[in-house]
Amino acid sequence: MNDSNVVQAEHIVIKALENGVTIIGLTRGKDTKFHHTEKLDQGEVMIAQFTEDTSAIKIRGRATVFTKHGTIDTM
């Protein structure tokens, strides 16, 4: 892989606190759209990354989000 193809972007960790937590990736650009969806069950963990295509991540359900800025619990 060429170094110019490597994305150096922020990572977050999402830990589901209940079954059916939905994680939705949102696109960058003029029109923000959903581009990727994942479902997690209780105890499952996902590592997500902001990229050239992903500008935001939406989380539905009870989860803990770990970032370099701190920890956030969803309601």
Protein backbone atom coordinates (compact mmCIF):
# COMPACT_ATOMS: atom_id res chain seq x y z
CA MET A 1 0.00 0.00 0.00
CA ASN A 2 1.24 3.43 -0.91
CA ASP A 3 1.53 5.88 2.03
CA SER A 4 -0.61 8.39 0.13
CA ASN A 5 -3.55 5.93 0.36
CA VAL A 6 -3.43 5.67 4.17
CA VAL A 7 -6.13 7.65 5.97
CA GLN A 8 -4.89 9.24 9.21
CA ALA A 9 -8.19 9.93 10.95
CA GLU A 10 -9.78 9.86 14.38
CA HIS A 11 -10.91 6.48 15.76
CA ILE A 12 -13.70 5.94 18.27
CA VAL A 13 -14.79 2.79 20.09
CA ILE A 14 -18.48 2.02 20.59
CA LYS A 15 -19.57 -0.59 23.15
CA ALA A 16 -23.22 -1.70 23.05
CA LEU A 17 -24.96 -1.74 26.44
CA GLU A 18 -28.09 -3.41 25.02
CA ASN A 19 -29.09 -5.53 22.03
CA GLY A 20 -29.88 -3.77 18.76
CA VAL A 21 -27.64 -0.68 19.02
CA THR A 22 -27.51 0.90 15.56
CA ILE A 23 -24.45 2.75 14.27
CA ILE A 24 -24.93 4.87 11.16
CA GLY A 25 -22.13 6.47 9.11
CA LEU A 26 -22.96 9.78 7.46
CA THR A 27 -21.25 11.12 4.33
CA ARG A 28 -19.31 14.33 3.79
CA GLY A 29 -20.11 16.83 1.12
CA LYS A 30 -22.91 19.09 -0.03
CA ASP A 31 -25.63 16.54 0.80
CA THR A 32 -25.21 14.51 4.00
CA LYS A 33 -26.54 10.96 3.52
CA PHE A 34 -26.44 7.63 5.34
CA HIS A 35 -23.78 5.42 3.77
CA HIS A 36 -23.24 2.55 6.22
CA THR A 37 -25.22 0.91 9.04
CA GLU A 38 -24.18 -1.67 11.64
CA LYS A 39 -26.12 -3.37 14.45
CA LEU A 40 -24.44 -4.36 17.72
CA ASP A 41 -25.73 -6.60 20.48
CA GLN A 42 -24.99 -6.13 24.18
CA GLY A 43 -21.28 -6.38 24.93
CA GLU A 44 -20.20 -6.11 21.29
CA VAL A 45 -17.61 -3.47 20.42
CA MET A 46 -17.00 -1.63 17.15
CA ILE A 47 -14.00 0.51 16.29
CA ALA A 48 -15.02 3.25 13.85
CA GLN A 49 -12.99 5.84 11.98
CA PHE A 50 -13.77 9.22 10.49
CA THR A 51 -12.54 9.16 6.88
CA GLU A 52 -12.63 11.12 3.65
CA ASP A 53 -16.18 9.74 3.16
CA THR A 54 -17.44 9.67 6.77
CA SER A 55 -18.01 13.01 8.51
CA ALA A 56 -20.34 11.91 11.31
CA ILE A 57 -21.50 8.81 13.14
CA LYS A 58 -25.00 8.51 14.59
CA ILE A 59 -25.72 6.00 17.38
CA ARG A 60 -29.20 4.73 18.34
CA GLY A 61 -29.59 2.76 21.56
CA ARG A 62 -27.65 2.49 24.81
CA ALA A 63 -23.91 2.49 24.25
CA THR A 64 -20.65 3.84 25.63
CA VAL A 65 -18.48 5.79 23.19
CA PHE A 66 -14.75 6.08 23.89
CA THR A 67 -12.76 8.86 22.19
CA LYS A 68 -9.46 10.59 22.81
CA HIS A 69 -11.56 13.41 24.26
CA GLY A 70 -13.28 11.22 26.86
CA THR A 71 -16.12 8.76 27.37
CA ILE A 72 -19.77 9.41 26.51
CA ASP A 73 -22.82 7.31 27.46
CA THR A 74 -25.86 7.47 25.20
CA MET A 75 -29.33 7.45 26.75
